[in-house]
């Protein structure tokens, strides 16, 4: 290979290393929430959990009540709901989707076990239509962080 050509080719690679690696490290740190001395890691974990609950698991479809027009009642988001559908054939079936906000009745270890193995406390399995999730442990922790997040205070009821 021509030495001048080899030098010309090496310049872009050196430039990429000198510029690209620091930029990549900055982007990785900002995306992973690794900002020292801030609450960003917890916020990033909750945001990942929000994505998994809202966009992947679509938990609100069953665990949030609907109004007469079938719209989700967002003021009761993930607070549990009666299931508006039943199977066509007799089978074990849940009539109600329990509340998820705060994960009532589950400590973090039980919630993590359920989300990673599909097993509820006492070795029980959820009744259909609830799927037996098999989240990765890090994703289960994100879901738990999101569902345990502090809830905004309810507005006072109108008289």
C-alpha atoms as a PDB file:
ATOM      1  CA  UNK A   1       0.000   0.000   0.000  1.00  0.00           C
ATOM      2  CA  UNK A   2       1.197   3.507  -0.786  1.00  0.00           C
ATOM      3  CA  UNK A   3       2.458   5.144   2.472  1.00  0.00           C
ATOM      4  CA  UNK A   4       0.801   8.496   1.626  1.00  0.00           C
ATOM      5  CA  UNK A   5      -2.504   6.699   1.066  1.00  0.00           C
ATOM      6  CA  UNK A   6      -2.131   4.799   4.363  1.00  0.00           C
ATOM      7  CA  UNK A   7      -1.490   8.102   6.221  1.00  0.00           C
ATOM      8  CA  UNK A   8      -4.512   9.669   4.525  1.00  0.00           C
ATOM      9  CA  UNK A   9      -6.694   6.729   5.604  1.00  0.00           C
ATOM     10  CA  UNK A  10      -5.433   6.782   9.181  1.00  0.00           C
ATOM     11  CA  UNK A  11      -6.384  10.448   9.722  1.00  0.00           C
ATOM     12  CA  UNK A  12     -10.165   9.825   9.751  1.00  0.00           C
ATOM     13  CA  UNK A  13      -9.720   6.927  12.179  1.00  0.00           C
ATOM     14  CA  UNK A  14      -7.564   8.988  14.535  1.00  0.00           C
ATOM     15  CA  UNK A  15     -10.021  11.882  14.289  1.00  0.00           C
ATOM     16  CA  UNK A  16     -12.884   9.521  15.022  1.00  0.00           C
ATOM     17  CA  UNK A  17     -11.107   8.223  18.108  1.00  0.00           C
ATOM     18  CA  UNK A  18     -10.163  11.681  19.373  1.00  0.00           C
ATOM     19  CA  UNK A  19     -13.597  13.202  18.794  1.00  0.00           C
ATOM     20  CA  UNK A  20     -15.971  10.250  18.726  1.00  0.00           C
ATOM     21  CA  UNK A  21     -15.007   8.502  21.931  1.00  0.00           C
ATOM     22  CA  UNK A  22     -15.454  11.534  24.216  1.00  0.00           C
ATOM     23  CA  UNK A  23     -18.755  12.396  22.529  1.00  0.00           C
ATOM     24  CA  UNK A  24     -19.889   8.777  22.845  1.00  0.00           C
ATOM     25  CA  UNK A  25     -18.970   8.745  26.534  1.00  0.00           C
ATOM     26  CA  UNK A  26     -20.931  11.963  27.133  1.00  0.00           C
ATOM     27  CA  UNK A  27     -23.969  10.619  25.296  1.00  0.00           C
ATOM     28  CA  UNK A  28     -23.803   7.301  27.155  1.00  0.00           C
ATOM     29  CA  UNK A  29     -23.577   9.065  30.508  1.00  0.00           C
ATOM     30  CA  UNK A  30     -26.511  11.340  29.723  1.00  0.00           C
ATOM     31  CA  UNK A  31     -28.670   8.492  28.401  1.00  0.00           C
ATOM     32  CA  UNK A  32     -27.908   6.189  31.307  1.00  0.00           C
ATOM     33  CA  UNK A  33     -28.661   8.894  33.867  1.00  0.00           C
ATOM     34  CA  UNK A  34     -25.149   8.803  35.309  1.00  0.00           C
ATOM     35  CA  UNK A  35     -25.009  12.410  36.484  1.00  0.00           C
ATOM     36  CA  UNK A  36     -23.086  12.679  39.717  1.00  0.00           C
ATOM     37  CA  UNK A  37     -24.854  14.298  42.654  1.00  0.00           C
ATOM     38  CA  UNK A  38     -28.352  14.388  41.144  1.00  0.00           C
ATOM     39  CA  UNK A  39     -31.501  12.309  41.246  1.00  0.00           C
ATOM     40  CA  UNK A  40     -31.111  11.519  37.550  1.00  0.00           C
ATOM     41  CA  UNK A  41     -30.437   7.774  37.982  1.00  0.00           C
ATOM     42  CA  UNK A  42     -33.729   7.319  39.883  1.00  0.00           C
ATOM     43  CA  UNK A  43     -35.565   9.486  37.359  1.00  0.00           C
ATOM     44  CA  UNK A  44     -34.070   7.513  34.462  1.00  0.00           C
ATOM     45  CA  UNK A  45     -35.073   4.245  36.137  1.00  0.00           C
ATOM     46  CA  UNK A  46     -38.658   5.472  36.619  1.00  0.00           C
ATOM     47  CA  UNK A  47     -38.775   6.673  33.000  1.00  0.00           C
ATOM     48  CA  UNK A  48     -37.679   3.230  31.803  1.00  0.00           C
ATOM     49  CA  UNK A  49     -40.392   1.725  34.008  1.00  0.00           C
ATOM     50  CA  UNK A  50     -42.972   4.158  32.602  1.00  0.00           C
ATOM     51  CA  UNK A  51     -42.048   3.066  29.089  1.00  0.00           C
ATOM     52  CA  UNK A  52     -42.336  -0.620  29.993  1.00  0.00           C
ATOM     53  CA  UNK A  53     -45.673  -0.194  31.808  1.00  0.00           C
ATOM     54  CA  UNK A  54     -47.290   2.195  29.332  1.00  0.00           C
ATOM     55  CA  UNK A  55     -45.823   1.214  25.958  1.00  0.00           C
ATOM     56  CA  UNK A  56     -44.719  -2.420  26.278  1.00  0.00           C
ATOM     57  CA  UNK A  57     -47.013  -4.050  28.845  1.00  0.00           C
ATOM     58  CA  UNK A  58     -49.966  -1.750  28.038  1.00  0.00           C
ATOM     59  CA  UNK A  59     -51.004  -2.236  31.664  1.00  0.00           C
ATOM     60  CA  UNK A  60     -53.553   0.601  31.594  1.00  0.00           C
ATOM     61  CA  UNK A  61     -55.710  -1.343  29.121  1.00  0.00           C
ATOM     62  CA  UNK A  62     -56.878  -3.612  31.944  1.00  0.00           C
ATOM     63  CA  UNK A  63     -55.810  -1.875  35.164  1.00  0.00           C
ATOM     64  CA  UNK A  64     -57.442   1.515  34.456  1.00  0.00           C
ATOM     65  CA  UNK A  65     -61.233   1.914  34.433  1.00  0.00           C
ATOM     66  CA  UNK A  66     -63.007   3.202  31.338  1.00  0.00           C
ATOM     67  CA  UNK A  67     -65.888   5.634  30.985  1.00  0.00           C
ATOM     68  CA  UNK A  68     -69.162   4.989  29.113  1.00  0.00           C
ATOM     69  CA  UNK A  69     -67.453   5.753  25.779  1.00  0.00           C
ATOM     70  CA  UNK A  70     -64.634   3.287  26.491  1.00  0.00           C
ATOM     71  CA  UNK A  71     -62.015   5.993  27.169  1.00  0.00           C
ATOM     72  CA  UNK A  72     -59.485   5.378  29.927  1.00  0.00           C
ATOM     73  CA  UNK A  73     -60.264   7.352  33.083  1.00  0.00           C
ATOM     74  CA  UNK A  74     -56.800   8.826  33.557  1.00  0.00           C
ATOM     75  CA  UNK A  75     -57.729  10.289  36.935  1.00  0.00           C
ATOM     76  CA  UNK A  76     -57.889   6.620  38.067  1.00  0.00           C
ATOM     77  CA  UNK A  77     -54.823   5.493  36.109  1.00  0.00           C
ATOM     78  CA  UNK A  78     -53.642   2.001  37.127  1.00  0.00           C
ATOM     79  CA  UNK A  79     -55.950   1.964  40.177  1.00  0.00           C
ATOM     80  CA  UNK A  80     -57.659  -1.272  39.162  1.00  0.00           C
ATOM     81  CA  UNK A  81     -60.737  -1.982  37.066  1.00  0.00           C
ATOM     82  CA  UNK A  82     -63.377  -4.559  36.276  1.00  0.00           C
ATOM     83  CA  UNK A  83     -62.482  -6.403  33.095  1.00  0.00           C
ATOM     84  CA  UNK A  84     -65.014  -5.627  30.369  1.00  0.00           C
ATOM     85  CA  UNK A  85     -64.452  -8.896  28.502  1.00  0.00           C
ATOM     86  CA  UNK A  86     -64.721 -12.602  29.191  1.00  0.00           C
ATOM     87  CA  UNK A  87     -63.494 -15.728  27.408  1.00  0.00           C
ATOM     88  CA  UNK A  88     -65.843 -17.518  25.021  1.00  0.00           C
ATOM     89  CA  UNK A  89     -65.161 -20.879  26.668  1.00  0.00           C
ATOM     90  CA  UNK A  90     -65.255 -21.664  30.398  1.00  0.00           C
ATOM     91  CA  UNK A  91     -61.822 -21.323  31.979  1.00  0.00           C
ATOM     92  CA  UNK A  92     -60.160 -19.795  35.048  1.00  0.00           C
ATOM     93  CA  UNK A  93     -60.461 -16.053  34.442  1.00  0.00           C
ATOM     94  CA  UNK A  94     -59.962 -12.880  36.448  1.00  0.00           C
ATOM     95  CA  UNK A  95     -62.994 -10.580  36.607  1.00  0.00           C
ATOM     96  CA  UNK A  96     -61.015  -7.661  38.019  1.00  0.00           C
ATOM     97  CA  UNK A  97     -57.565  -6.237  37.296  1.00  0.00           C
ATOM     98  CA  UNK A  98     -56.158  -5.152  40.682  1.00  0.00           C
ATOM     99  CA  UNK A  99     -54.545  -1.782  41.340  1.00  0.00           C
ATOM    100  CA  UNK A 100     -50.923  -1.488  40.257  1.00  0.00           C
ATOM    101  CA  UNK A 101     -50.062   1.981  41.558  1.00  0.00           C
ATOM    102  CA  UNK A 102     -47.954   1.484  44.664  1.00  0.00           C
ATOM    103  CA  UNK A 103     -47.994  -2.317  44.163  1.00  0.00           C
ATOM    104  CA  UNK A 104     -50.331  -2.914  47.134  1.00  0.00           C
ATOM    105  CA  UNK A 105     -49.724  -6.210  48.921  1.00  0.00           C
ATOM    106  CA  UNK A 106     -46.306  -6.775  47.322  1.00  0.00           C
ATOM    107  CA  UNK A 107     -42.937  -5.829  48.757  1.00  0.00           C
ATOM    108  CA  UNK A 108     -40.124  -5.190  46.281  1.00  0.00           C
ATOM    109  CA  UNK A 109     -38.820  -8.771  46.454  1.00  0.00           C
ATOM    110  CA  UNK A 110     -42.272 -10.262  45.747  1.00  0.00           C
ATOM    111  CA  UNK A 111     -42.895  -7.763  42.942  1.00  0.00           C
ATOM    112  CA  UNK A 112     -39.488  -8.554  41.399  1.00  0.00           C
ATOM    113  CA  UNK A 113     -40.180 -12.283  41.639  1.00  0.00           C
ATOM    114  CA  UNK A 114     -43.571 -11.853  39.969  1.00  0.00           C
ATOM    115  CA  UNK A 115     -42.188  -9.688  37.165  1.00  0.00           C
ATOM    116  CA  UNK A 116     -39.224 -11.981  36.459  1.00  0.00           C
ATOM    117  CA  UNK A 117     -40.829 -15.416  36.958  1.00  0.00           C
ATOM    118  CA  UNK A 118     -44.594 -14.890  36.732  1.00  0.00           C
ATOM    119  CA  UNK A 119     -44.987 -16.252  40.258  1.00  0.00           C
ATOM    120  CA  UNK A 120     -47.089 -14.466  42.883  1.00  0.00           C
ATOM    121  CA  UNK A 121     -46.564 -14.891  46.657  1.00  0.00           C
ATOM    122  CA  UNK A 122     -47.344 -18.412  47.826  1.00  0.00           C
ATOM    123  CA  UNK A 123     -46.406 -19.880  44.448  1.00  0.00           C
ATOM    124  CA  UNK A 124     -49.664 -18.745  42.837  1.00  0.00           C
ATOM    125  CA  UNK A 125     -49.867 -17.812  39.169  1.00  0.00           C
ATOM    126  CA  UNK A 126     -51.993 -14.949  37.851  1.00  0.00           C
ATOM    127  CA  UNK A 127     -55.285 -15.906  36.263  1.00  0.00           C
ATOM    128  CA  UNK A 128     -55.757 -15.053  32.602  1.00  0.00           C
ATOM    129  CA  UNK A 129     -55.855 -12.650  30.932  1.00  0.00           C
ATOM    130  CA  UNK A 130     -52.859 -11.487  32.999  1.00  0.00           C
ATOM    131  CA  UNK A 131     -49.674 -12.680  31.304  1.00  0.00           C
ATOM    132  CA  UNK A 132     -46.874 -14.297  33.289  1.00  0.00           C
ATOM    133  CA  UNK A 133     -44.160 -11.762  32.540  1.00  0.00           C
ATOM    134  CA  UNK A 134     -40.489 -12.708  32.344  1.00  0.00           C
ATOM    135  CA  UNK A 135     -38.805  -9.304  32.606  1.00  0.00           C
ATOM    136  CA  UNK A 136     -35.061  -9.046  32.983  1.00  0.00           C
ATOM    137  CA  UNK A 137     -34.222  -8.126  36.609  1.00  0.00           C
ATOM    138  CA  UNK A 138     -33.157  -4.579  35.632  1.00  0.00           C
ATOM    139  CA  UNK A 139     -36.442  -4.050  33.771  1.00  0.00           C
ATOM    140  CA  UNK A 140     -38.415  -5.451  36.720  1.00  0.00           C
ATOM    141  CA  UNK A 141     -36.651  -2.938  38.989  1.00  0.00           C
ATOM    142  CA  UNK A 142     -37.587  -0.136  36.573  1.00  0.00           C
ATOM    143  CA  UNK A 143     -41.256  -1.204  36.577  1.00  0.00           C
ATOM    144  CA  UNK A 144     -41.233  -1.328  40.391  1.00  0.00           C
ATOM    145  CA  UNK A 145     -39.645   2.136  40.597  1.00  0.00           C
ATOM    146  CA  UNK A 146     -42.312   3.528  38.266  1.00  0.00           C
ATOM    147  CA  UNK A 147     -45.254   1.917  40.049  1.00  0.00           C
ATOM    148  CA  UNK A 148     -43.951   2.964  43.494  1.00  0.00           C
ATOM    149  CA  UNK A 149     -43.281   6.570  42.446  1.00  0.00           C
ATOM    150  CA  UNK A 150     -44.858   9.269  44.601  1.00  0.00           C
ATOM    151  CA  UNK A 151     -48.330  10.107  43.323  1.00  0.00           C
ATOM    152  CA  UNK A 152     -49.561  13.664  42.935  1.00  0.00           C
ATOM    153  CA  UNK A 153     -52.155  14.739  45.477  1.00  0.00           C
ATOM    154  CA  UNK A 154     -55.733  14.354  44.274  1.00  0.00           C
ATOM    155  CA  UNK A 155     -57.566  17.579  43.519  1.00  0.00           C
ATOM    156  CA  UNK A 156     -60.276  18.369  46.055  1.00  0.00           C
ATOM    157  CA  UNK A 157     -63.715  17.074  45.121  1.00  0.00           C
ATOM    158  CA  UNK A 158     -66.130  19.653  43.722  1.00  0.00           C
ATOM    159  CA  UNK A 159     -69.250  20.291  45.819  1.00  0.00           C
END
